[in-house]
Amino acid sequence: MKKLIVRMLLIMRVAAAWAGPFDGTWVGDVASSTVEGKPDTYLLQDGVYTCDACYPELKIPADGKTHKVTDIVYYDEASATVVSPQVVKVQTTQWRERNLESAR
């Protein structure tokens, strides 16, 4: 048992002393970065929530109730609730099983 404790302490000491290539502080240069494509837009207007970033576009009433979504394969229902003037809570639900087959 004593040998096991000594071995574990030795391993811990070696592991703590080793400085890997990713240790340290990383700093990103925002000035050199570029953004391509159109920006994502989310709109709440006249009680309707619109997500242009979603494909295909999601447009549902922002009344807190669940609404069926037929043209999006990732989920079947969605709801949008206005929490505050700056926050909209969007929830999605996938409730039915799908038979997804891949052609090879």
PDB file of N, CA and C in Angstrom:
ATOM      1  N   MET A   1       0.820  -1.193   0.000  1.00  0.00           N
ATOM      2  CA  MET A   1       0.000   0.000   0.000  1.00  0.00           C
ATOM      3  C   MET A   1       0.862   1.254   0.000  1.00  0.00           C
ATOM      4  N   LYS A   2       1.965   1.198   0.734  1.00  0.00           N
ATOM      5  CA  LYS A   2       2.855   2.349   0.808  1.00  0.00           C
ATOM      6  C   LYS A   2       3.490   2.635  -0.556  1.00  0.00           C
ATOM      7  N   LYS A   3       3.816   1.556  -1.299  1.00  0.00           N
ATOM      8  CA  LYS A   3       4.415   1.732  -2.628  1.00  0.00           C
ATOM      9  C   LYS A   3       3.414   2.374  -3.587  1.00  0.00           C
ATOM     10  N   LEU A   4       2.149   1.999  -3.467  1.00  0.00           N
ATOM     11  CA  LEU A   4       1.116   2.567  -4.326  1.00  0.00           C
ATOM     12  C   LEU A   4       0.963   4.069  -4.088  1.00  0.00           C
ATOM     13  N   ILE A   5       0.981   4.461  -2.844  1.00  0.00           N
ATOM     14  CA  ILE A   5       0.859   5.883  -2.511  1.00  0.00           C
ATOM     15  C   ILE A   5       2.055   6.659  -3.045  1.00  0.00           C
ATOM     16  N   VAL A   6       3.245   6.108  -2.911  1.00  0.00           N
ATOM     17  CA  VAL A   6       4.454   6.768  -3.417  1.00  0.00           C
ATOM     18  C   VAL A   6       4.383   6.903  -4.938  1.00  0.00           C
ATOM     19  N   ARG A   7       3.938   5.863  -5.609  1.00  0.00           N
ATOM     20  CA  ARG A   7       3.819   5.908  -7.077  1.00  0.00           C
ATOM     21  C   ARG A   7       2.803   6.975  -7.505  1.00  0.00           C
ATOM     22  N   MET A   8       1.668   7.020  -6.822  1.00  0.00           N
ATOM     23  CA  MET A   8       0.648   8.006  -7.168  1.00  0.00           C
ATOM     24  C   MET A   8       1.148   9.435  -6.953  1.00  0.00           C
ATOM     25  N   LEU A   9       1.847   9.668  -5.856  1.00  0.00           N
ATOM     26  CA  LEU A   9       2.401  10.999  -5.607  1.00  0.00           C
ATOM     27  C   LEU A   9       3.428  11.375  -6.669  1.00  0.00           C
ATOM     28  N   LEU A  10       4.244  10.432  -7.084  1.00  0.00           N
ATOM     29  CA  LEU A  10       5.242  10.678  -8.124  1.00  0.00           C
ATOM     30  C   LEU A  10       4.557  11.022  -9.454  1.00  0.00           C
ATOM     31  N   ILE A  11       3.523  10.271  -9.800  1.00  0.00           N
ATOM     32  CA  ILE A  11       2.799  10.528 -11.055  1.00  0.00           C
ATOM     33  C   ILE A  11       2.141  11.903 -11.013  1.00  0.00           C
ATOM     34  N   MET A  12       1.540  12.253  -9.879  1.00  0.00           N
ATOM     35  CA  MET A  12       0.885  13.555  -9.753  1.00  0.00           C
ATOM     36  C   MET A  12       1.902  14.692  -9.865  1.00  0.00           C
ATOM     37  N   ARG A  13       3.082  14.505  -9.308  1.00  0.00           N
ATOM     38  CA  ARG A  13       4.103  15.537  -9.361  1.00  0.00           C
ATOM     39  C   ARG A  13       4.605  15.749 -10.781  1.00  0.00           C
ATOM     40  N   VAL A  14       4.808  14.674 -11.512  1.00  0.00           N
ATOM     41  CA  VAL A  14       5.272  14.768 -12.895  1.00  0.00           C
ATOM     42  C   VAL A  14       4.187  15.421 -13.764  1.00  0.00           C
ATOM     43  N   ALA A  15       2.938  15.022 -13.548  1.00  0.00           N
ATOM     44  CA  ALA A  15       1.845  15.591 -14.343  1.00  0.00           C
ATOM     45  C   ALA A  15       1.672  17.086 -14.069  1.00  0.00           C
ATOM     46  N   ALA A  16       1.849  17.514 -12.830  1.00  0.00           N
ATOM     47  CA  ALA A  16       1.708  18.923 -12.488  1.00  0.00           C
ATOM     48  C   ALA A  16       2.853  19.762 -13.039  1.00  0.00           C
ATOM     49  N   ALA A  17       4.037  19.169 -13.158  1.00  0.00           N
ATOM     50  CA  ALA A  17       5.207  19.910 -13.633  1.00  0.00           C
ATOM     51  C   ALA A  17       5.219  20.057 -15.160  1.00  0.00           C
ATOM     52  N   TRP A  18       4.533  19.203 -15.856  1.00  0.00           N
ATOM     53  CA  TRP A  18       4.548  19.235 -17.309  1.00  0.00           C
ATOM     54  C   TRP A  18       3.672  20.375 -17.818  1.00  0.00           C
ATOM     55  N   ALA A  19       4.207  21.231 -18.645  1.00  0.00           N
ATOM     56  CA  ALA A  19       3.463  22.325 -19.260  1.00  0.00           C
ATOM     57  C   ALA A  19       3.245  21.965 -20.719  1.00  0.00           C
ATOM     58  N   GLY A  20       2.004  21.773 -21.087  1.00  0.00           N
ATOM     59  CA  GLY A  20       1.679  21.390 -22.451  1.00  0.00           C
ATOM     60  C   GLY A  20       1.732  22.577 -23.394  1.00  0.00           C
ATOM     61  N   PRO A  21       1.629  22.308 -24.685  1.00  0.00           N
ATOM     62  CA  PRO A  21       1.701  23.387 -25.682  1.00  0.00           C
ATOM     63  C   PRO A  21       0.486  24.316 -25.659  1.00  0.00           C
ATOM     64  N   PHE A  22      -0.608  23.911 -25.004  1.00  0.00           N
ATOM     65  CA  PHE A  22      -1.809  24.728 -24.986  1.00  0.00           C
ATOM     66  C   PHE A  22      -2.006  25.442 -23.659  1.00  0.00           C
ATOM     67  N   ASP A  23      -1.082  25.330 -22.734  1.00  0.00           N
ATOM     68  CA  ASP A  23      -1.181  26.021 -21.455  1.00  0.00           C
ATOM     69  C   ASP A  23      -0.856  27.496 -21.650  1.00  0.00           C
ATOM     70  N   GLY A  24      -1.442  28.341 -20.828  1.00  0.00           N
ATOM     71  CA  GLY A  24      -1.150  29.771 -20.894  1.00  0.00           C
ATOM     72  C   GLY A  24      -2.385  30.577 -21.233  1.00  0.00           C
ATOM     73  N   THR A  25      -2.184  31.826 -21.588  1.00  0.00           N
ATOM     74  CA  THR A  25      -3.272  32.739 -21.911  1.00  0.00           C
ATOM     75  C   THR A  25      -3.357  32.914 -23.422  1.00  0.00           C
ATOM     76  N   TRP A  26      -4.539  32.745 -23.956  1.00  0.00           N
ATOM     77  CA  TRP A  26      -4.764  32.926 -25.378  1.00  0.00           C
ATOM     78  C   TRP A  26      -5.451  34.267 -25.595  1.00  0.00           C
ATOM     79  N   VAL A  27      -5.032  34.993 -26.620  1.00  0.00           N
ATOM     80  CA  VAL A  27      -5.621  36.286 -26.937  1.00  0.00           C
ATOM     81  C   VAL A  27      -6.014  36.279 -28.411  1.00  0.00           C
ATOM     82  N   GLY A  28      -7.275  36.590 -28.668  1.00  0.00           N
ATOM     83  CA  GLY A  28      -7.746  36.654 -30.040  1.00  0.00           C
ATOM     84  C   GLY A  28      -7.638  38.070 -30.587  1.00  0.00           C
ATOM     85  N   ASP A  29      -7.392  38.189 -31.874  1.00  0.00           N
ATOM     86  CA  ASP A  29      -7.287  39.498 -32.522  1.00  0.00           C
ATOM     87  C   ASP A  29      -8.570  39.747 -33.311  1.00  0.00           C
ATOM     88  N   VAL A  30      -9.467  40.537 -32.743  1.00  0.00           N
ATOM     89  CA  VAL A  30     -10.761  40.799 -33.358  1.00  0.00           C
ATOM     90  C   VAL A  30     -10.609  41.595 -34.645  1.00  0.00           C
ATOM     91  N   ALA A  31      -9.613  42.438 -34.716  1.00  0.00           N
ATOM     92  CA  ALA A  31      -9.418  43.277 -35.908  1.00  0.00           C
ATOM     93  C   ALA A  31      -9.095  42.440 -37.142  1.00  0.00           C
ATOM     94  N   SER A  32      -8.471  41.290 -36.968  1.00  0.00           N
ATOM     95  CA  SER A  32      -8.092  40.475 -38.120  1.00  0.00           C
ATOM     96  C   SER A  32      -9.181  39.482 -38.518  1.00  0.00           C
ATOM     97  N   SER A  33     -10.266  39.383 -37.750  1.00  0.00           N
ATOM     98  CA  SER A  33     -11.321  38.428 -38.078  1.00  0.00           C
ATOM     99  C   SER A  33     -12.312  39.043 -39.062  1.00  0.00           C
ATOM    100  N   THR A  34     -12.928  38.196 -39.864  1.00  0.00           N
ATOM    101  CA  THR A  34     -13.926  38.649 -40.830  1.00  0.00           C
ATOM    102  C   THR A  34     -15.183  37.802 -40.679  1.00  0.00           C
ATOM    103  N   VAL A  35     -16.315  38.412 -40.970  1.00  0.00           N
ATOM    104  CA  VAL A  35     -17.598  37.724 -40.925  1.00  0.00           C
ATOM    105  C   VAL A  35     -18.139  37.683 -42.339  1.00  0.00           C
ATOM    106  N   GLU A  36     -18.530  36.500 -42.778  1.00  0.00           N
ATOM    107  CA  GLU A  36     -19.037  36.351 -44.133  1.00  0.00           C
ATOM    108  C   GLU A  36     -20.524  36.029 -44.092  1.00  0.00           C
ATOM    109  N   GLY A  37     -21.229  36.390 -45.133  1.00  0.00           N
ATOM    110  CA  GLY A  37     -22.646  36.084 -45.235  1.00  0.00           C
ATOM    111  C   GLY A  37     -23.507  37.123 -44.553  1.00  0.00           C
ATOM    112  N   LYS A  38     -24.811  36.919 -44.676  1.00  0.00           N
ATOM    113  CA  LYS A  38     -25.729  37.887 -44.074  1.00  0.00           C
ATOM    114  C   LYS A  38     -25.881  37.595 -42.578  1.00  0.00           C
ATOM    115  N   PRO A  39     -26.185  38.593 -41.779  1.00  0.00           N
ATOM    116  CA  PRO A  39     -26.332  38.368 -40.337  1.00  0.00           C
ATOM    117  C   PRO A  39     -27.646  37.647 -40.028  1.00  0.00           C
ATOM    118  N   ASP A  40     -27.658  36.918 -38.915  1.00  0.00           N
ATOM    119  CA  ASP A  40     -28.879  36.263 -38.457  1.00  0.00           C
ATOM    120  C   ASP A  40     -29.823  37.321 -37.895  1.00  0.00           C
ATOM    121  N   THR A  41     -31.095  37.227 -38.272  1.00  0.00           N
ATOM    122  CA  THR A  41     -32.069  38.185 -37.753  1.00  0.00           C
ATOM    123  C   THR A  41     -33.218  37.442 -37.090  1.00  0.00           C
ATOM    124  N   TYR A  42     -33.624  37.968 -35.954  1.00  0.00           N
ATOM    125  CA  TYR A  42     -34.765  37.460 -35.192  1.00  0.00           C
ATOM    126  C   TYR A  42     -35.681  38.656 -34.953  1.00  0.00           C
ATOM    127  N   LEU A  43     -36.954  38.514 -35.267  1.00  0.00           N
ATOM    128  CA  LEU A  43     -37.863  39.652 -35.223  1.00  0.00           C
ATOM    129  C   LEU A  43     -39.122  39.299 -34.445  1.00  0.00           C
ATOM    130  N   LEU A  44     -39.528  40.194 -33.568  1.00  0.00           N
ATOM    131  CA  LEU A  44     -40.815  40.088 -32.884  1.00  0.00           C
ATOM    132  C   LEU A  44     -41.594  41.349 -33.229  1.00  0.00           C
ATOM    133  N   GLN A  45     -42.599  41.179 -34.083  1.00  0.00           N
ATOM    134  CA  GLN A  45     -43.362  42.330 -34.546  1.00  0.00           C
ATOM    135  C   GLN A  45     -44.826  41.939 -34.677  1.00  0.00           C
ATOM    136  N   ASP A  46     -45.698  42.772 -34.139  1.00  0.00           N
ATOM    137  CA  ASP A  46     -47.152  42.548 -34.194  1.00  0.00           C
ATOM    138  C   ASP A  46     -47.538  41.185 -33.621  1.00  0.00           C
ATOM    139  N   GLY A  47     -46.836  40.748 -32.582  1.00  0.00           N
ATOM    140  CA  GLY A  47     -47.162  39.488 -31.919  1.00  0.00           C
ATOM    141  C   GLY A  47     -46.721  38.245 -32.658  1.00  0.00           C
ATOM    142  N   VAL A  48     -45.867  38.398 -33.668  1.00  0.00           N
ATOM    143  CA  VAL A  48     -45.377  37.253 -34.446  1.00  0.00           C
ATOM    144  C   VAL A  48     -43.860  37.203 -34.334  1.00  0.00           C
ATOM    145  N   TYR A  49     -43.332  36.014 -33.969  1.00  0.00           N
ATOM    146  CA  TYR A  49     -41.885  35.796 -33.886  1.00  0.00           C
ATOM    147  C   TYR A  49     -41.412  35.224 -35.213  1.00  0.00           C
ATOM    148  N   THR A  50     -40.381  35.828 -35.784  1.00  0.00           N
ATOM    149  CA  THR A  50     -39.824  35.383 -37.055  1.00  0.00           C
ATOM    150  C   THR A  50     -38.333  35.124 -36.888  1.00  0.00           C
ATOM    151  N   CYS A  51     -37.889  33.956 -37.322  1.00  0.00           N
ATOM    152  CA  CYS A  51     -36.477  33.588 -37.284  1.00  0.00           C
ATOM    153  C   CYS A  51     -35.985  33.408 -38.717  1.00  0.00           C
ATOM    154  N   ASP A  52     -35.257  34.412 -39.211  1.00  0.00           N
ATOM    155  CA  ASP A  52     -34.694  34.312 -40.561  1.00  0.00           C
ATOM    156  C   ASP A  52     -33.470  33.409 -40.583  1.00  0.00           C
ATOM    157  N   ALA A  53     -32.829  33.206 -39.433  1.00  0.00           N
ATOM    158  CA  ALA A  53     -31.647  32.352 -39.367  1.00  0.00           C
ATOM    159  C   ALA A  53     -32.027  30.877 -39.454  1.00  0.00           C
ATOM    160  N   CYS A  54     -33.279  30.562 -39.147  1.00  0.00           N
ATOM    161  CA  CYS A  54     -33.748  29.173 -39.219  1.00  0.00           C
ATOM    162  C   CYS A  54     -33.972  28.802 -40.681  1.00  0.00           C
ATOM    163  N   TYR A  55     -33.695  27.536 -40.999  1.00  0.00           N
ATOM    164  CA  TYR A  55     -33.927  27.082 -42.370  1.00  0.00           C
ATOM    165  C   TYR A  55     -34.827  25.871 -42.348  1.00  0.00           C
ATOM    166  N   PRO A  56     -35.990  25.941 -42.965  1.00  0.00           N
ATOM    167  CA  PRO A  56     -36.607  27.124 -43.550  1.00  0.00           C
ATOM    168  C   PRO A  56     -37.057  28.101 -42.475  1.00  0.00           C
ATOM    169  N   GLU A  57     -37.427  29.278 -42.889  1.00  0.00           N
ATOM    170  CA  GLU A  57     -37.787  30.353 -41.960  1.00  0.00           C
ATOM    171  C   GLU A  57     -38.905  29.915 -41.015  1.00  0.00           C
ATOM    172  N   LEU A  58     -38.759  30.270 -39.742  1.00  0.00           N
ATOM    173  CA  LEU A  58     -39.768  29.963 -38.726  1.00  0.00           C
ATOM    174  C   LEU A  58     -40.556  31.228 -38.426  1.00  0.00           C
ATOM    175  N   LYS A  59     -41.878  31.124 -38.521  1.00  0.00           N
ATOM    176  CA  LYS A  59     -42.751  32.262 -38.239  1.00  0.00           C
ATOM    177  C   LYS A  59     -43.944  31.734 -37.454  1.00  0.00           C
ATOM    178  N   ILE A  60     -44.008  32.090 -36.138  1.00  0.00           N
ATOM    179  CA  ILE A  60     -45.085  31.614 -35.271  1.00  0.00           C
ATOM    180  C   ILE A  60     -45.604  32.770 -34.408  1.00  0.00           C
ATOM    181  N   PRO A  61     -46.867  32.684 -33.969  1.00  0.00           N
ATOM    182  CA  PRO A  61     -47.383  33.706 -33.042  1.00  0.00           C
ATOM    183  C   PRO A  61     -46.634  33.635 -31.709  1.00  0.00           C
ATOM    184  N   ALA A  62     -46.323  34.780 -31.136  1.00  0.00           N
ATOM    185  CA  ALA A  62     -45.594  34.839 -29.855  1.00  0.00           C
ATOM    186  C   ALA A  62     -46.602  34.968 -28.720  1.00  0.00           C
ATOM    187  N   ASP A  63     -47.449  33.943 -28.577  1.00  0.00           N
ATOM    188  CA  ASP A  63     -48.494  33.966 -27.562  1.00  0.00           C
ATOM    189  C   ASP A  63     -48.260  32.964 -26.436  1.00  0.00           C
ATOM    190  N   GLY A  64     -47.146  32.232 -26.464  1.00  0.00           N
ATOM    191  CA  GLY A  64     -46.834  31.262 -25.419  1.00  0.00           C
ATOM    192  C   GLY A  64     -47.450  29.904 -25.649  1.00  0.00           C
ATOM    193  N   LYS A  65     -48.298  29.760 -26.651  1.00  0.00           N
ATOM    194  CA  LYS A  65     -48.933  28.476 -26.955  1.00  0.00           C
ATOM    195  C   LYS A  65     -48.083  27.691 -27.947  1.00  0.00           C
ATOM    196  N   THR A  66     -48.244  26.387 -27.924  1.00  0.00           N
ATOM    197  CA  THR A  66     -47.514  25.516 -28.841  1.00  0.00           C
ATOM    198  C   THR A  66     -48.222  25.502 -30.188  1.00  0.00           C
ATOM    199  N   HIS A  67     -47.437  25.655 -31.253  1.00  0.00           N
ATOM    200  CA  HIS A  67     -47.979  25.662 -32.613  1.00  0.00           C
ATOM    201  C   HIS A  67     -47.288  24.589 -33.438  1.00  0.00           C
ATOM    202  N   LYS A  68     -48.069  23.906 -34.275  1.00  0.00           N
ATOM    203  CA  LYS A  68     -47.516  22.868 -35.148  1.00  0.00           C
ATOM    204  C   LYS A  68     -46.648  23.518 -36.224  1.00  0.00           C
ATOM    205  N   VAL A  69     -45.520  22.868 -36.505  1.00  0.00           N
ATOM    206  CA  VAL A  69     -44.605  23.312 -37.553  1.00  0.00           C
ATOM    207  C   VAL A  69     -44.462  22.143 -38.513  1.00  0.00           C
ATOM    208  N   THR A  70     -44.801  22.350 -39.774  1.00  0.00           N
ATOM    209  CA  THR A  70     -44.822  21.222 -40.712  1.00  0.00           C
ATOM    210  C   THR A  70     -43.638  21.181 -41.655  1.00  0.00           C
ATOM    211  N   ASP A  71     -43.005  22.295 -41.923  1.00  0.00           N
ATOM    212  CA  ASP A  71     -41.971  22.319 -42.952  1.00  0.00           C
ATOM    213  C   ASP A  71     -40.547  22.223 -42.413  1.00  0.00           C
ATOM    214  N   ILE A  72     -40.371  22.015 -41.111  1.00  0.00           N
ATOM    215  CA  ILE A  72     -39.040  21.892 -40.519  1.00  0.00           C
ATOM    216  C   ILE A  72     -38.876  20.468 -40.012  1.00  0.00           C
ATOM    217  N   VAL A  73     -37.801  19.793 -40.419  1.00  0.00           N
ATOM    218  CA  VAL A  73     -37.630  18.376 -40.083  1.00  0.00           C
ATOM    219  C   VAL A  73     -37.041  18.149 -38.695  1.00  0.00           C
ATOM    220  N   TYR A  74     -36.492  19.170 -38.056  1.00  0.00           N
ATOM    221  CA  TYR A  74     -35.823  18.991 -36.777  1.00  0.00           C
ATOM    222  C   TYR A  74     -36.787  18.988 -35.595  1.00  0.00           C
ATOM    223  N   TYR A  75     -37.951  19.586 -35.738  1.00  0.00           N
ATOM    224  CA  TYR A  75     -38.933  19.601 -34.663  1.00  0.00           C
ATOM    225  C   TYR A  75     -40.330  19.740 -35.249  1.00  0.00           C
ATOM    226  N   ASP A  76     -41.331  19.338 -34.453  1.00  0.00           N
ATOM    227  CA  ASP A  76     -42.708  19.313 -34.911  1.00  0.00           C
ATOM    228  C   ASP A  76     -43.549  20.463 -34.370  1.00  0.00           C
ATOM    229  N   GLU A  77     -43.177  20.974 -33.194  1.00  0.00           N
ATOM    230  CA  GLU A  77     -43.928  22.049 -32.567  1.00  0.00           C
ATOM    231  C   GLU A  77     -42.969  23.116 -32.060  1.00  0.00           C
ATOM    232  N   ALA A  78     -43.464  24.354 -32.003  1.00  0.00           N
ATOM    233  CA  ALA A  78     -42.658  25.454 -31.494  1.00  0.00           C
ATOM    234  C   ALA A  78     -43.562  26.448 -30.786  1.00  0.00           C
ATOM    235  N   SER A  79     -42.992  27.103 -29.786  1.00  0.00           N
ATOM    236  CA  SER A  79     -43.737  28.155 -29.092  1.00  0.00           C
ATOM    237  C   SER A  79     -42.798  29.315 -28.811  1.00  0.00           C
ATOM    238  N   ALA A  80     -43.346  30.511 -28.790  1.00  0.00           N
ATOM    239  CA  ALA A  80     -42.583  31.723 -28.490  1.00  0.00           C
ATOM    240  C   ALA A  80     -43.339  32.503 -27.428  1.00  0.00           C
ATOM    241  N   THR A  81     -42.619  32.897 -26.372  1.00  0.00           N
ATOM    242  CA  THR A  81     -43.204  33.637 -25.266  1.00  0.00           C
ATOM    243  C   THR A  81     -42.386  34.887 -25.025  1.00  0.00           C
ATOM    244  N   VAL A  82     -43.052  36.025 -24.915  1.00  0.00           N
ATOM    245  CA  VAL A  82     -42.360  37.277 -24.611  1.00  0.00           C
ATOM    246  C   VAL A  82     -42.137  37.325 -23.102  1.00  0.00           C
ATOM    247  N   VAL A  83     -40.867  37.297 -22.680  1.00  0.00           N
ATOM    248  CA  VAL A  83     -40.503  37.324 -21.267  1.00  0.00           C
ATOM    249  C   VAL A  83     -40.338  38.759 -20.784  1.00  0.00           C
ATOM    250  N   SER A  84     -39.663  39.570 -21.583  1.00  0.00           N
ATOM    251  CA  SER A  84     -39.439  40.980 -21.264  1.00  0.00           C
ATOM    252  C   SER A  84     -39.240  41.716 -22.593  1.00  0.00           C
ATOM    253  N   PRO A  85     -39.094  43.035 -22.564  1.00  0.00           N
ATOM    254  CA  PRO A  85     -38.885  43.754 -23.822  1.00  0.00           C
ATOM    255  C   PRO A  85     -37.627  43.317 -24.584  1.00  0.00           C
ATOM    256  N   GLN A  86     -36.654  42.708 -23.900  1.00  0.00           N
ATOM    257  CA  GLN A  86     -35.427  42.273 -24.569  1.00  0.00           C
ATOM    258  C   GLN A  86     -35.316  40.756 -24.723  1.00  0.00           C
ATOM    259  N   VAL A  87     -36.249  39.986 -24.136  1.00  0.00           N
ATOM    260  CA  VAL A  87     -36.104  38.528 -24.112  1.00  0.00           C
ATOM    261  C   VAL A  87     -37.352  37.855 -24.668  1.00  0.00           C
ATOM    262  N   VAL A  88     -37.132  36.925 -25.605  1.00  0.00           N
ATOM    263  CA  VAL A  88     -38.194  36.072 -26.126  1.00  0.00           C
ATOM    264  C   VAL A  88     -37.752  34.629 -25.902  1.00  0.00           C
ATOM    265  N   LYS A  89     -38.597  33.838 -25.245  1.00  0.00           N
ATOM    266  CA  LYS A  89     -38.290  32.434 -24.978  1.00  0.00           C
ATOM    267  C   LYS A  89     -38.907  31.593 -26.091  1.00  0.00           C
ATOM    268  N   VAL A  90     -38.059  30.834 -26.804  1.00  0.00           N
ATOM    269  CA  VAL A  90     -38.516  29.990 -27.898  1.00  0.00           C
ATOM    270  C   VAL A  90     -38.233  28.543 -27.517  1.00  0.00           C
ATOM    271  N   GLN A  91     -39.263  27.710 -27.605  1.00  0.00           N
ATOM    272  CA  GLN A  91     -39.118  26.292 -27.299  1.00  0.00           C
ATOM    273  C   GLN A  91     -39.577  25.473 -28.498  1.00  0.00           C
ATOM    274  N   THR A  92     -38.871  24.361 -28.744  1.00  0.00           N
ATOM    275  CA  THR A  92     -39.247  23.461 -29.819  1.00  0.00           C
ATOM    276  C   THR A  92     -39.419  22.058 -29.245  1.00  0.00           C
ATOM    277  N   THR A  93     -40.282  21.274 -29.881  1.00  0.00           N
ATOM    278  CA  THR A  93     -40.569  19.915 -29.421  1.00  0.00           C
ATOM    279  C   THR A  93     -40.588  18.973 -30.604  1.00  0.00           C
ATOM    280  N   GLN A  94     -39.924  17.837 -30.444  1.00  0.00           N
ATOM    281  CA  GLN A  94     -40.007  16.772 -31.438  1.00  0.00           C
ATOM    282  C   GLN A  94     -40.739  15.623 -30.772  1.00  0.00           C
ATOM    283  N   TRP A  95     -41.938  15.313 -31.229  1.00  0.00           N
ATOM    284  CA  TRP A  95     -42.760  14.338 -30.529  1.00  0.00           C
ATOM    285  C   TRP A  95     -43.011  13.071 -31.306  1.00  0.00           C
ATOM    286  N   ARG A  96     -42.792  13.044 -32.587  1.00  0.00           N
ATOM    287  CA  ARG A  96     -43.073  11.813 -33.335  1.00  0.00           C
ATOM    288  C   ARG A  96     -41.783  11.173 -33.808  1.00  0.00           C
ATOM    289  N   GLU A  97     -41.818   9.866 -33.925  1.00  0.00           N
ATOM    290  CA  GLU A  97     -40.645   9.134 -34.411  1.00  0.00           C
ATOM    291  C   GLU A  97     -40.603   9.222 -35.935  1.00  0.00           C
ATOM    292  N   ARG A  98     -39.407   9.231 -36.425  1.00  0.00           N
ATOM    293  CA  ARG A  98     -39.221   9.291 -37.869  1.00  0.00           C
ATOM    294  C   ARG A  98     -38.406   8.095 -38.328  1.00  0.00           C
ATOM    295  N   ASN A  99     -38.704   7.633 -39.524  1.00  0.00           N
ATOM    296  CA  ASN A  99     -37.888   6.613 -40.150  1.00  0.00           C
ATOM    297  C   ASN A  99     -36.940   7.326 -41.101  1.00  0.00           C
ATOM    298  N   LEU A 100     -35.728   7.545 -40.657  1.00  0.00           N
ATOM    299  CA  LEU A 100     -34.752   8.232 -41.489  1.00  0.00           C
ATOM    300  C   LEU A 100     -33.816   7.189 -42.079  1.00  0.00           C
ATOM    301  N   GLU A 101     -33.786   7.094 -43.381  1.00  0.00           N
ATOM    302  CA  GLU A 101     -32.920   6.138 -44.052  1.00  0.00           C
ATOM    303  C   GLU A 101     -31.898   6.918 -44.865  1.00  0.00           C
ATOM    304  N   SER A 102     -30.692   6.407 -44.883  1.00  0.00           N
ATOM    305  CA  SER A 102     -29.662   7.059 -45.696  1.00  0.00           C
ATOM    306  C   SER A 102     -29.337   6.170 -46.882  1.00  0.00           C
ATOM    307  N   ALA A 103     -29.260   6.773 -48.038  1.00  0.00           N
ATOM    308  CA  ALA A 103     -28.897   6.041 -49.248  1.00  0.00           C
ATOM    309  C   ALA A 103     -27.388   6.001 -49.368  1.00  0.00           C
ATOM    310  N   ARG A 104     -26.863   4.829 -49.649  1.00  0.00           N
ATOM    311  CA  ARG A 104     -25.411   4.695 -49.787  1.00  0.00           C
ATOM    312  C   ARG A 104     -25.055   4.130 -51.124  1.00  0.00           C
TER     313      ARG A 104
END
